[in-house]
Amino acid sequence: MYGAEWLKVGATLALMWLKRGLCFIQVFLQSICDRDQDTSHPNLIHLNTTKAYKMVLKKYHSWILQIFQEALYARPYKSMLSKGQNVMEKECLEKVHLFLVKYTATIDILYKMM
């Protein structure tokens, strides 16, 4: 279908969306570490995912997809993120924060390379 152009279009497009996806994860985890939460429903992560979506991915999606994004409430509860790990929320957030320090440095390097 694409012939010789597939490697350029396919690989470039895949790397671009990988970079955006990694940035989305970074903003999402940082939002949780910053304790951004809906005061009426503190265990929901809708606020965190919406914040990350609006900051990172929204500008790349058409208006039709943005409408469907608001309908995606099938996200786990915040308490489910550490389920089965036998760690308290404070300890879990500390570990996520330590991860984010290295993760952010890696993402910054990737952005400079691309």
PDB file of N, CA and C in Angstrom:
ATOM      1  N   MET A   1       0.826  -1.192   0.000  1.00  0.00           N
ATOM      2  CA  MET A   1       0.000   0.000   0.000  1.00  0.00           C
ATOM      3  C   MET A   1       0.874   1.263   0.000  1.00  0.00           C
ATOM      4  N   TYR A   2       1.843   1.342   0.923  1.00  0.00           N
ATOM      5  CA  TYR A   2       2.706   2.515   0.999  1.00  0.00           C
ATOM      6  C   TYR A   2       4.030   2.305   0.276  1.00  0.00           C
ATOM      7  N   GLY A   3       4.407   1.060   0.047  1.00  0.00           N
ATOM      8  CA  GLY A   3       5.668   0.783  -0.624  1.00  0.00           C
ATOM      9  C   GLY A   3       6.849   1.223   0.210  1.00  0.00           C
ATOM     10  N   ALA A   4       7.800   1.872  -0.415  1.00  0.00           N
ATOM     11  CA  ALA A   4       9.019   2.308   0.267  1.00  0.00           C
ATOM     12  C   ALA A   4       8.758   3.417   1.285  1.00  0.00           C
ATOM     13  N   GLU A   5       7.642   4.126   1.138  1.00  0.00           N
ATOM     14  CA  GLU A   5       7.313   5.223   2.059  1.00  0.00           C
ATOM     15  C   GLU A   5       6.841   4.717   3.415  1.00  0.00           C
ATOM     16  N   TRP A   6       6.456   3.444   3.510  1.00  0.00           N
ATOM     17  CA  TRP A   6       5.881   2.919   4.762  1.00  0.00           C
ATOM     18  C   TRP A   6       6.839   3.087   5.932  1.00  0.00           C
ATOM     19  N   LEU A   7       8.126   2.829   5.726  1.00  0.00           N
ATOM     20  CA  LEU A   7       9.075   2.940   6.828  1.00  0.00           C
ATOM     21  C   LEU A   7       9.139   4.356   7.376  1.00  0.00           C
ATOM     22  N   LYS A   8       9.088   5.337   6.512  1.00  0.00           N
ATOM     23  CA  LYS A   8       9.145   6.728   6.963  1.00  0.00           C
ATOM     24  C   LYS A   8       7.846   7.135   7.644  1.00  0.00           C
ATOM     25  N   VAL A   9       6.737   6.866   7.002  1.00  0.00           N
ATOM     26  CA  VAL A   9       5.444   7.261   7.558  1.00  0.00           C
ATOM     27  C   VAL A   9       5.118   6.430   8.787  1.00  0.00           C
ATOM     28  N   GLY A  10       5.266   5.124   8.694  1.00  0.00           N
ATOM     29  CA  GLY A  10       4.915   4.235   9.798  1.00  0.00           C
ATOM     30  C   GLY A  10       5.765   4.446  11.031  1.00  0.00           C
ATOM     31  N   ALA A  11       7.073   4.467  10.857  1.00  0.00           N
ATOM     32  CA  ALA A  11       7.978   4.604  11.991  1.00  0.00           C
ATOM     33  C   ALA A  11       7.878   5.997  12.610  1.00  0.00           C
ATOM     34  N   THR A  12       7.801   7.009  11.779  1.00  0.00           N
ATOM     35  CA  THR A  12       7.708   8.379  12.287  1.00  0.00           C
ATOM     36  C   THR A  12       6.421   8.572  13.060  1.00  0.00           C
ATOM     37  N   LEU A  13       5.338   8.104  12.493  1.00  0.00           N
ATOM     38  CA  LEU A  13       4.040   8.227  13.146  1.00  0.00           C
ATOM     39  C   LEU A  13       4.000   7.448  14.459  1.00  0.00           C
ATOM     40  N   ALA A  14       4.543   6.240  14.444  1.00  0.00           N
ATOM     41  CA  ALA A  14       4.566   5.419  15.656  1.00  0.00           C
ATOM     42  C   ALA A  14       5.399   6.075  16.756  1.00  0.00           C
ATOM     43  N   LEU A  15       6.558   6.611  16.410  1.00  0.00           N
ATOM     44  CA  LEU A  15       7.406   7.280  17.399  1.00  0.00           C
ATOM     45  C   LEU A  15       6.756   8.547  17.939  1.00  0.00           C
ATOM     46  N   MET A  16       6.065   9.261  17.060  1.00  0.00           N
ATOM     47  CA  MET A  16       5.388  10.481  17.492  1.00  0.00           C
ATOM     48  C   MET A  16       4.308  10.161  18.532  1.00  0.00           C
ATOM     49  N   TRP A  17       3.493   9.135  18.265  1.00  0.00           N
ATOM     50  CA  TRP A  17       2.434   8.782  19.209  1.00  0.00           C
ATOM     51  C   TRP A  17       2.983   8.111  20.459  1.00  0.00           C
ATOM     52  N   LEU A  18       4.095   7.411  20.345  1.00  0.00           N
ATOM     53  CA  LEU A  18       4.751   6.854  21.523  1.00  0.00           C
ATOM     54  C   LEU A  18       5.216   7.980  22.436  1.00  0.00           C
ATOM     55  N   LYS A  19       5.830   8.990  21.841  1.00  0.00           N
ATOM     56  CA  LYS A  19       6.308  10.149  22.601  1.00  0.00           C
ATOM     57  C   LYS A  19       5.142  10.841  23.310  1.00  0.00           C
ATOM     58  N   ARG A  20       4.033  11.017  22.603  1.00  0.00           N
ATOM     59  CA  ARG A  20       2.855  11.648  23.206  1.00  0.00           C
ATOM     60  C   ARG A  20       2.272  10.788  24.317  1.00  0.00           C
ATOM     61  N   GLY A  21       2.238   9.482  24.102  1.00  0.00           N
ATOM     62  CA  GLY A  21       1.724   8.578  25.125  1.00  0.00           C
ATOM     63  C   GLY A  21       2.574   8.592  26.381  1.00  0.00           C
ATOM     64  N   LEU A  22       3.894   8.609  26.211  1.00  0.00           N
ATOM     65  CA  LEU A  22       4.793   8.685  27.361  1.00  0.00           C
ATOM     66  C   LEU A  22       4.616   9.995  28.121  1.00  0.00           C
ATOM     67  N   CYS A  23       4.412  11.071  27.391  1.00  0.00           N
ATOM     68  CA  CYS A  23       4.189  12.366  28.030  1.00  0.00           C
ATOM     69  C   CYS A  23       2.854  12.367  28.786  1.00  0.00           C
ATOM     70  N   PHE A  24       1.824  11.729  28.206  1.00  0.00           N
ATOM     71  CA  PHE A  24       0.527  11.608  28.878  1.00  0.00           C
ATOM     72  C   PHE A  24       0.693  10.888  30.218  1.00  0.00           C
ATOM     73  N   ILE A  25       1.440   9.784  30.220  1.00  0.00           N
ATOM     74  CA  ILE A  25       1.672   9.028  31.450  1.00  0.00           C
ATOM     75  C   ILE A  25       2.404   9.892  32.469  1.00  0.00           C
ATOM     76  N   GLN A  26       3.385  10.661  32.010  1.00  0.00           N
ATOM     77  CA  GLN A  26       4.144  11.541  32.898  1.00  0.00           C
ATOM     78  C   GLN A  26       3.231  12.565  33.570  1.00  0.00           C
ATOM     79  N   VAL A  27       2.395  13.239  32.799  1.00  0.00           N
ATOM     80  CA  VAL A  27       1.508  14.265  33.353  1.00  0.00           C
ATOM     81  C   VAL A  27       0.473  13.625  34.282  1.00  0.00           C
ATOM     82  N   PHE A  28      -0.045  12.455  33.900  1.00  0.00           N
ATOM     83  CA  PHE A  28      -1.019  11.744  34.732  1.00  0.00           C
ATOM     84  C   PHE A  28      -0.428  11.381  36.092  1.00  0.00           C
ATOM     85  N   LEU A  29       0.752  10.767  36.099  1.00  0.00           N
ATOM     86  CA  LEU A  29       1.379  10.379  37.365  1.00  0.00           C
ATOM     87  C   LEU A  29       1.776  11.594  38.197  1.00  0.00           C
ATOM     88  N   GLN A  30       2.239  12.650  37.534  1.00  0.00           N
ATOM     89  CA  GLN A  30       2.598  13.864  38.267  1.00  0.00           C
ATOM     90  C   GLN A  30       1.370  14.481  38.916  1.00  0.00           C
ATOM     91  N   SER A  31       0.242  14.422  38.225  1.00  0.00           N
ATOM     92  CA  SER A  31      -1.012  14.942  38.775  1.00  0.00           C
ATOM     93  C   SER A  31      -1.430  14.167  40.021  1.00  0.00           C
ATOM     94  N   ILE A  32      -1.231  12.859  39.994  1.00  0.00           N
ATOM     95  CA  ILE A  32      -1.554  12.047  41.176  1.00  0.00           C
ATOM     96  C   ILE A  32      -0.601  12.377  42.312  1.00  0.00           C
ATOM     97  N   CYS A  33       0.698  12.521  42.004  1.00  0.00           N
ATOM     98  CA  CYS A  33       1.680  12.860  43.044  1.00  0.00           C
ATOM     99  C   CYS A  33       1.428  14.238  43.642  1.00  0.00           C
ATOM    100  N   ASP A  34       0.914  15.156  42.826  1.00  0.00           N
ATOM    101  CA  ASP A  34       0.584  16.495  43.316  1.00  0.00           C
ATOM    102  C   ASP A  34      -0.712  16.503  44.108  1.00  0.00           C
ATOM    103  N   ARG A  35      -1.331  15.337  44.222  1.00  0.00           N
ATOM    104  CA  ARG A  35      -2.583  15.140  44.955  1.00  0.00           C
ATOM    105  C   ARG A  35      -3.735  15.955  44.383  1.00  0.00           C
ATOM    106  N   ASP A  36      -3.733  16.142  43.063  1.00  0.00           N
ATOM    107  CA  ASP A  36      -4.891  16.749  42.400  1.00  0.00           C
ATOM    108  C   ASP A  36      -6.026  15.748  42.497  1.00  0.00           C
ATOM    109  N   GLN A  37      -7.158  16.185  43.029  1.00  0.00           N
ATOM    110  CA  GLN A  37      -8.287  15.267  43.157  1.00  0.00           C
ATOM    111  C   GLN A  37      -9.598  16.028  43.208  1.00  0.00           C
ATOM    112  N   ASP A  38     -10.644  15.328  42.844  1.00  0.00           N
ATOM    113  CA  ASP A  38     -11.997  15.854  42.926  1.00  0.00           C
ATOM    114  C   ASP A  38     -12.400  15.789  44.394  1.00  0.00           C
ATOM    115  N   THR A  39     -12.677  16.920  45.006  1.00  0.00           N
ATOM    116  CA  THR A  39     -12.968  16.936  46.442  1.00  0.00           C
ATOM    117  C   THR A  39     -14.232  16.160  46.798  1.00  0.00           C
ATOM    118  N   SER A  40     -15.191  16.074  45.879  1.00  0.00           N
ATOM    119  CA  SER A  40     -16.407  15.327  46.168  1.00  0.00           C
ATOM    120  C   SER A  40     -16.225  13.825  45.965  1.00  0.00           C
ATOM    121  N   HIS A  41     -15.225  13.429  45.164  1.00  0.00           N
ATOM    122  CA  HIS A  41     -14.931  12.009  44.912  1.00  0.00           C
ATOM    123  C   HIS A  41     -13.415  11.815  44.904  1.00  0.00           C
ATOM    124  N   PRO A  42     -12.765  11.828  46.080  1.00  0.00           N
ATOM    125  CA  PRO A  42     -11.301  11.811  46.123  1.00  0.00           C
ATOM    126  C   PRO A  42     -10.661  10.515  45.618  1.00  0.00           C
ATOM    127  N   ASN A  43     -11.430   9.434  45.501  1.00  0.00           N
ATOM    128  CA  ASN A  43     -10.861   8.169  45.059  1.00  0.00           C
ATOM    129  C   ASN A  43     -10.913   8.000  43.534  1.00  0.00           C
ATOM    130  N   LEU A  44     -11.546   8.929  42.833  1.00  0.00           N
ATOM    131  CA  LEU A  44     -11.635   8.843  41.380  1.00  0.00           C
ATOM    132  C   LEU A  44     -10.424   9.511  40.739  1.00  0.00           C
ATOM    133  N   ILE A  45      -9.976   8.970  39.610  1.00  0.00           N
ATOM    134  CA  ILE A  45      -8.829   9.551  38.912  1.00  0.00           C
ATOM    135  C   ILE A  45      -9.255  10.270  37.631  1.00  0.00           C
ATOM    136  N   HIS A  46     -10.546  10.529  37.507  1.00  0.00           N
ATOM    137  CA  HIS A  46     -11.055  11.220  36.323  1.00  0.00           C
ATOM    138  C   HIS A  46     -10.383  12.584  36.151  1.00  0.00           C
ATOM    139  N   LEU A  47     -10.218  13.311  37.221  1.00  0.00           N
ATOM    140  CA  LEU A  47      -9.586  14.628  37.164  1.00  0.00           C
ATOM    141  C   LEU A  47      -8.150  14.516  36.644  1.00  0.00           C
ATOM    142  N   ASN A  48      -7.423  13.497  37.099  1.00  0.00           N
ATOM    143  CA  ASN A  48      -6.036  13.308  36.689  1.00  0.00           C
ATOM    144  C   ASN A  48      -5.916  12.933  35.216  1.00  0.00           C
ATOM    145  N   THR A  49      -6.757  12.010  34.759  1.00  0.00           N
ATOM    146  CA  THR A  49      -6.685  11.602  33.354  1.00  0.00           C
ATOM    147  C   THR A  49      -7.154  12.723  32.437  1.00  0.00           C
ATOM    148  N   THR A  50      -8.175  13.467  32.859  1.00  0.00           N
ATOM    149  CA  THR A  50      -8.668  14.578  32.049  1.00  0.00           C
ATOM    150  C   THR A  50      -7.610  15.674  31.938  1.00  0.00           C
ATOM    151  N   LYS A  51      -6.942  15.956  33.047  1.00  0.00           N
ATOM    152  CA  LYS A  51      -5.882  16.967  33.034  1.00  0.00           C
ATOM    153  C   LYS A  51      -4.766  16.560  32.073  1.00  0.00           C
ATOM    154  N   ALA A  52      -4.346  15.307  32.151  1.00  0.00           N
ATOM    155  CA  ALA A  52      -3.280  14.825  31.270  1.00  0.00           C
ATOM    156  C   ALA A  52      -3.732  14.838  29.813  1.00  0.00           C
ATOM    157  N   TYR A  53      -4.975  14.443  29.564  1.00  0.00           N
ATOM    158  CA  TYR A  53      -5.491  14.444  28.199  1.00  0.00           C
ATOM    159  C   TYR A  53      -5.501  15.860  27.622  1.00  0.00           C
ATOM    160  N   LYS A  54      -6.023  16.800  28.408  1.00  0.00           N
ATOM    161  CA  LYS A  54      -6.121  18.180  27.906  1.00  0.00           C
ATOM    162  C   LYS A  54      -4.754  18.807  27.677  1.00  0.00           C
ATOM    163  N   MET A  55      -3.783  18.483  28.537  1.00  0.00           N
ATOM    164  CA  MET A  55      -2.455  19.075  28.397  1.00  0.00           C
ATOM    165  C   MET A  55      -1.643  18.460  27.263  1.00  0.00           C
ATOM    166  N   VAL A  56      -1.854  17.164  26.999  1.00  0.00           N
ATOM    167  CA  VAL A  56      -0.964  16.469  26.076  1.00  0.00           C
ATOM    168  C   VAL A  56      -1.627  16.062  24.764  1.00  0.00           C
ATOM    169  N   LEU A  57      -2.781  15.424  24.821  1.00  0.00           N
ATOM    170  CA  LEU A  57      -3.338  14.781  23.632  1.00  0.00           C
ATOM    171  C   LEU A  57      -4.462  15.531  22.936  1.00  0.00           C
ATOM    172  N   LYS A  58      -5.177  16.374  23.636  1.00  0.00           N
ATOM    173  CA  LYS A  58      -6.371  17.006  23.076  1.00  0.00           C
ATOM    174  C   LYS A  58      -6.084  17.758  21.774  1.00  0.00           C
ATOM    175  N   LYS A  59      -4.972  18.446  21.713  1.00  0.00           N
ATOM    176  CA  LYS A  59      -4.658  19.254  20.527  1.00  0.00           C
ATOM    177  C   LYS A  59      -4.426  18.408  19.278  1.00  0.00           C
ATOM    178  N   TYR A  60      -4.214  17.108  19.443  1.00  0.00           N
ATOM    179  CA  TYR A  60      -3.978  16.235  18.300  1.00  0.00           C
ATOM    180  C   TYR A  60      -5.227  15.465  17.858  1.00  0.00           C
ATOM    181  N   HIS A  61      -6.316  15.599  18.588  1.00  0.00           N
ATOM    182  CA  HIS A  61      -7.531  14.853  18.276  1.00  0.00           C
ATOM    183  C   HIS A  61      -8.590  15.759  17.660  1.00  0.00           C
ATOM    184  N   SER A  62      -9.396  15.164  16.801  1.00  0.00           N
ATOM    185  CA  SER A  62     -10.498  15.918  16.197  1.00  0.00           C
ATOM    186  C   SER A  62     -11.583  16.143  17.249  1.00  0.00           C
ATOM    187  N   TRP A  63     -12.510  17.032  16.965  1.00  0.00           N
ATOM    188  CA  TRP A  63     -13.579  17.356  17.916  1.00  0.00           C
ATOM    189  C   TRP A  63     -14.453  16.145  18.195  1.00  0.00           C
ATOM    190  N   ILE A  64     -14.631  15.251  17.241  1.00  0.00           N
ATOM    191  CA  ILE A  64     -15.471  14.061  17.450  1.00  0.00           C
ATOM    192  C   ILE A  64     -14.856  13.172  18.526  1.00  0.00           C
ATOM    193  N   LEU A  65     -13.546  12.957  18.465  1.00  0.00           N
ATOM    194  CA  LEU A  65     -12.878  12.130  19.457  1.00  0.00           C
ATOM    195  C   LEU A  65     -12.893  12.803  20.822  1.00  0.00           C
ATOM    196  N   GLN A  66     -12.821  14.124  20.856  1.00  0.00           N
ATOM    197  CA  GLN A  66     -12.852  14.836  22.127  1.00  0.00           C
ATOM    198  C   GLN A  66     -14.200  14.655  22.822  1.00  0.00           C
ATOM    199  N   ILE A  67     -15.281  14.552  22.052  1.00  0.00           N
ATOM    200  CA  ILE A  67     -16.599  14.301  22.645  1.00  0.00           C
ATOM    201  C   ILE A  67     -16.622  12.926  23.281  1.00  0.00           C
ATOM    202  N   PHE A  68     -16.085  11.920  22.582  1.00  0.00           N
ATOM    203  CA  PHE A  68     -16.070  10.564  23.123  1.00  0.00           C
ATOM    204  C   PHE A  68     -15.150  10.450  24.334  1.00  0.00           C
ATOM    205  N   GLN A  69     -14.102  11.238  24.389  1.00  0.00           N
ATOM    206  CA  GLN A  69     -13.184  11.186  25.517  1.00  0.00           C
ATOM    207  C   GLN A  69     -13.903  11.514  26.807  1.00  0.00           C
ATOM    208  N   GLU A  70     -14.821  12.449  26.774  1.00  0.00           N
ATOM    209  CA  GLU A  70     -15.569  12.819  27.972  1.00  0.00           C
ATOM    210  C   GLU A  70     -16.479  11.687  28.444  1.00  0.00           C
ATOM    211  N   ALA A  71     -16.814  10.777  27.548  1.00  0.00           N
ATOM    212  CA  ALA A  71     -17.678   9.653  27.915  1.00  0.00           C
ATOM    213  C   ALA A  71     -16.892   8.486  28.514  1.00  0.00           C
ATOM    214  N   LEU A  72     -15.593   8.574  28.537  1.00  0.00           N
ATOM    215  CA  LEU A  72     -14.777   7.464  29.034  1.00  0.00           C
ATOM    216  C   LEU A  72     -14.585   7.563  30.550  1.00  0.00           C
ATOM    217  N   TYR A  73     -15.548   7.084  31.278  1.00  0.00           N
ATOM    218  CA  TYR A  73     -15.449   7.089  32.737  1.00  0.00           C
ATOM    219  C   TYR A  73     -15.039   5.723  33.272  1.00  0.00           C
ATOM    220  N   ALA A  74     -14.636   4.828  32.419  1.00  0.00           N
ATOM    221  CA  ALA A  74     -14.259   3.478  32.836  1.00  0.00           C
ATOM    222  C   ALA A  74     -12.810   3.454  33.293  1.00  0.00           C
ATOM    223  N   ARG A  75     -12.493   4.298  34.233  1.00  0.00           N
ATOM    224  CA  ARG A  75     -11.141   4.359  34.781  1.00  0.00           C
ATOM    225  C   ARG A  75     -11.152   3.731  36.161  1.00  0.00           C
ATOM    226  N   PRO A  76     -10.052   3.147  36.576  1.00  0.00           N
ATOM    227  CA  PRO A  76     -10.039   2.531  37.908  1.00  0.00           C
ATOM    228  C   PRO A  76     -10.037   3.606  39.003  1.00  0.00           C
ATOM    229  N   TYR A  77     -10.389   3.178  40.189  1.00  0.00           N
ATOM    230  CA  TYR A  77     -10.289   4.068  41.335  1.00  0.00           C
ATOM    231  C   TYR A  77      -8.813   4.219  41.718  1.00  0.00           C
ATOM    232  N   LYS A  78      -8.480   5.315  42.373  1.00  0.00           N
ATOM    233  CA  LYS A  78      -7.105   5.558  42.805  1.00  0.00           C
ATOM    234  C   LYS A  78      -6.609   4.428  43.706  1.00  0.00           C
ATOM    235  N   SER A  79      -7.494   3.904  44.551  1.00  0.00           N
ATOM    236  CA  SER A  79      -7.105   2.825  45.456  1.00  0.00           C
ATOM    237  C   SER A  79      -6.745   1.543  44.705  1.00  0.00           C
ATOM    238  N   MET A  80      -7.250   1.387  43.488  1.00  0.00           N
ATOM    239  CA  MET A  80      -6.957   0.190  42.702  1.00  0.00           C
ATOM    240  C   MET A  80      -5.533   0.216  42.137  1.00  0.00           C
ATOM    241  N   LEU A  81      -4.927   1.394  42.035  1.00  0.00           N
ATOM    242  CA  LEU A  81      -3.586   1.491  41.472  1.00  0.00           C
ATOM    243  C   LEU A  81      -2.538   0.812  42.338  1.00  0.00           C
ATOM    244  N   SER A  82      -2.766   0.752  43.645  1.00  0.00           N
ATOM    245  CA  SER A  82      -1.802   0.103  44.530  1.00  0.00           C
ATOM    246  C   SER A  82      -2.350  -1.192  45.126  1.00  0.00           C
ATOM    247  N   LYS A  83      -3.478  -1.656  44.604  1.00  0.00           N
ATOM    248  CA  LYS A  83      -4.104  -2.880  45.133  1.00  0.00           C
ATOM    249  C   LYS A  83      -3.164  -4.069  44.950  1.00  0.00           C
ATOM    250  N   GLY A  84      -3.061  -4.869  45.995  1.00  0.00           N
ATOM    251  CA  GLY A  84      -2.229  -6.057  45.943  1.00  0.00           C
ATOM    252  C   GLY A  84      -0.761  -5.796  46.206  1.00  0.00           C
ATOM    253  N   GLN A  85      -0.390  -4.553  46.424  1.00  0.00           N
ATOM    254  CA  GLN A  85       1.015  -4.217  46.653  1.00  0.00           C
ATOM    255  C   GLN A  85       1.349  -4.102  48.135  1.00  0.00           C
ATOM    256  N   ASN A  86       0.336  -4.130  49.006  1.00  0.00           N
ATOM    257  CA  ASN A  86       0.519  -4.006  50.452  1.00  0.00           C
ATOM    258  C   ASN A  86       1.337  -2.777  50.834  1.00  0.00           C
ATOM    259  N   VAL A  87       1.013  -1.653  50.207  1.00  0.00           N
ATOM    260  CA  VAL A  87       1.673  -0.387  50.543  1.00  0.00           C
ATOM    261  C   VAL A  87       0.603   0.660  50.838  1.00  0.00           C
ATOM    262  N   MET A  88       0.948   1.569  51.705  1.00  0.00           N
ATOM    263  CA  MET A  88       0.048   2.666  52.020  1.00  0.00           C
ATOM    264  C   MET A  88       0.114   3.697  50.902  1.00  0.00           C
ATOM    265  N   GLU A  89      -0.913   4.554  50.818  1.00  0.00           N
ATOM    266  CA  GLU A  89      -0.960   5.542  49.742  1.00  0.00           C
ATOM    267  C   GLU A  89       0.258   6.465  49.785  1.00  0.00           C
ATOM    268  N   LYS A  90       0.655   6.888  50.978  1.00  0.00           N
ATOM    269  CA  LYS A  90       1.799   7.796  51.095  1.00  0.00           C
ATOM    270  C   LYS A  90       3.068   7.141  50.556  1.00  0.00           C
ATOM    271  N   GLU A  91       3.287   5.884  50.917  1.00  0.00           N
ATOM    272  CA  GLU A  91       4.465   5.158  50.447  1.00  0.00           C
ATOM    273  C   GLU A  91       4.408   4.955  48.929  1.00  0.00           C
ATOM    274  N   CYS A  92       3.225   4.667  48.418  1.00  0.00           N
ATOM    275  CA  CYS A  92       3.036   4.476  46.983  1.00  0.00           C
ATOM    276  C   CYS A  92       3.356   5.772  46.235  1.00  0.00           C
ATOM    277  N   LEU A  93       2.867   6.905  46.739  1.00  0.00           N
ATOM    278  CA  LEU A  93       3.128   8.189  46.100  1.00  0.00           C
ATOM    279  C   LEU A  93       4.610   8.549  46.137  1.00  0.00           C
ATOM    280  N   GLU A  94       5.280   8.175  47.218  1.00  0.00           N
ATOM    281  CA  GLU A  94       6.725   8.418  47.297  1.00  0.00           C
ATOM    282  C   GLU A  94       7.467   7.621  46.229  1.00  0.00           C
ATOM    283  N   LYS A  95       7.045   6.378  46.015  1.00  0.00           N
ATOM    284  CA  LYS A  95       7.684   5.541  44.997  1.00  0.00           C
ATOM    285  C   LYS A  95       7.393   6.071  43.595  1.00  0.00           C
ATOM    286  N   VAL A  96       6.177   6.523  43.371  1.00  0.00           N
ATOM    287  CA  VAL A  96       5.825   7.092  42.071  1.00  0.00           C
ATOM    288  C   VAL A  96       6.639   8.357  41.829  1.00  0.00           C
ATOM    289  N   HIS A  97       6.807   9.174  42.873  1.00  0.00           N
ATOM    290  CA  HIS A  97       7.592  10.402  42.740  1.00  0.00           C
ATOM    291  C   HIS A  97       9.049  10.086  42.371  1.00  0.00           C
ATOM    292  N   LEU A  98       9.638   9.097  43.034  1.00  0.00           N
ATOM    293  CA  LEU A  98      11.018   8.697  42.705  1.00  0.00           C
ATOM    294  C   LEU A  98      11.111   8.200  41.268  1.00  0.00           C
ATOM    295  N   PHE A  99      10.107   7.451  40.837  1.00  0.00           N
ATOM    296  CA  PHE A  99      10.063   6.988  39.449  1.00  0.00           C
ATOM    297  C   PHE A  99       9.972   8.173  38.490  1.00  0.00           C
ATOM    298  N   LEU A 100       9.144   9.146  38.832  1.00  0.00           N
ATOM    299  CA  LEU A 100       8.930  10.298  37.955  1.00  0.00           C
ATOM    300  C   LEU A 100      10.191  11.128  37.741  1.00  0.00           C
ATOM    301  N   VAL A 101      11.049  11.179  38.729  1.00  0.00           N
ATOM    302  CA  VAL A 101      12.297  11.940  38.594  1.00  0.00           C
ATOM    303  C   VAL A 101      13.116  11.386  37.426  1.00  0.00           C
ATOM    304  N   LYS A 102      13.284  10.078  37.387  1.00  0.00           N
ATOM    305  CA  LYS A 102      14.054   9.453  36.310  1.00  0.00           C
ATOM    306  C   LYS A 102      13.264   9.437  35.009  1.00  0.00           C
ATOM    307  N   TYR A 103      11.972   9.185  35.108  1.00  0.00           N
ATOM    308  CA  TYR A 103      11.110   9.118  33.927  1.00  0.00           C
ATOM    309  C   TYR A 103      11.081  10.468  33.205  1.00  0.00           C
ATOM    310  N   THR A 104      10.942  11.545  33.962  1.00  0.00           N
ATOM    311  CA  THR A 104      10.897  12.887  33.379  1.00  0.00           C
ATOM    312  C   THR A 104      12.209  13.214  32.672  1.00  0.00           C
ATOM    313  N   ALA A 105      13.322  12.847  33.273  1.00  0.00           N
ATOM    314  CA  ALA A 105      14.621  13.086  32.630  1.00  0.00           C
ATOM    315  C   ALA A 105      14.714  12.320  31.315  1.00  0.00           C
ATOM    316  N   THR A 106      14.208  11.112  31.295  1.00  0.00           N
ATOM    317  CA  THR A 106      14.224  10.302  30.071  1.00  0.00           C
ATOM    318  C   THR A 106      13.328  10.907  29.002  1.00  0.00           C
ATOM    319  N   ILE A 107      12.136  11.341  29.382  1.00  0.00           N
ATOM    320  CA  ILE A 107      11.197  11.961  28.436  1.00  0.00           C
ATOM    321  C   ILE A 107      11.810  13.241  27.868  1.00  0.00           C
ATOM    322  N   ASP A 108      12.469  14.024  28.703  1.00  0.00           N
ATOM    323  CA  ASP A 108      13.102  15.261  28.238  1.00  0.00           C
ATOM    324  C   ASP A 108      14.171  14.956  27.182  1.00  0.00           C
ATOM    325  N   ILE A 109      14.940  13.907  27.387  1.00  0.00           N
ATOM    326  CA  ILE A 109      15.960  13.518  26.419  1.00  0.00           C
ATOM    327  C   ILE A 109      15.313  13.093  25.104  1.00  0.00           C
ATOM    328  N   LEU A 110      14.219  12.322  25.192  1.00  0.00           N
ATOM    329  CA  LEU A 110      13.504  11.893  23.993  1.00  0.00           C
ATOM    330  C   LEU A 110      12.971  13.095  23.205  1.00  0.00           C
ATOM    331  N   TYR A 111      12.422  14.076  23.898  1.00  0.00           N
ATOM    332  CA  TYR A 111      11.899  15.262  23.215  1.00  0.00           C
ATOM    333  C   TYR A 111      13.003  16.045  22.523  1.00  0.00           C
ATOM    334  N   LYS A 112      14.183  16.097  23.128  1.00  0.00           N
ATOM    335  CA  LYS A 112      15.300  16.805  22.511  1.00  0.00           C
ATOM    336  C   LYS A 112      15.796  16.077  21.270  1.00  0.00           C
ATOM    337  N   MET A 113      15.701  14.731  21.287  1.00  0.00           N
ATOM    338  CA  MET A 113      16.164  13.938  20.154  1.00  0.00           C
ATOM    339  C   MET A 113      15.233  14.017  18.960  1.00  0.00           C
ATOM    340  N   MET A 114      13.966  14.247  19.207  1.00  0.00           N
ATOM    341  CA  MET A 114      12.986  14.181  18.115  1.00  0.00           C
ATOM    342  C   MET A 114      12.680  15.547  17.614  1.00  0.00           C
TER     343      MET A 114
END
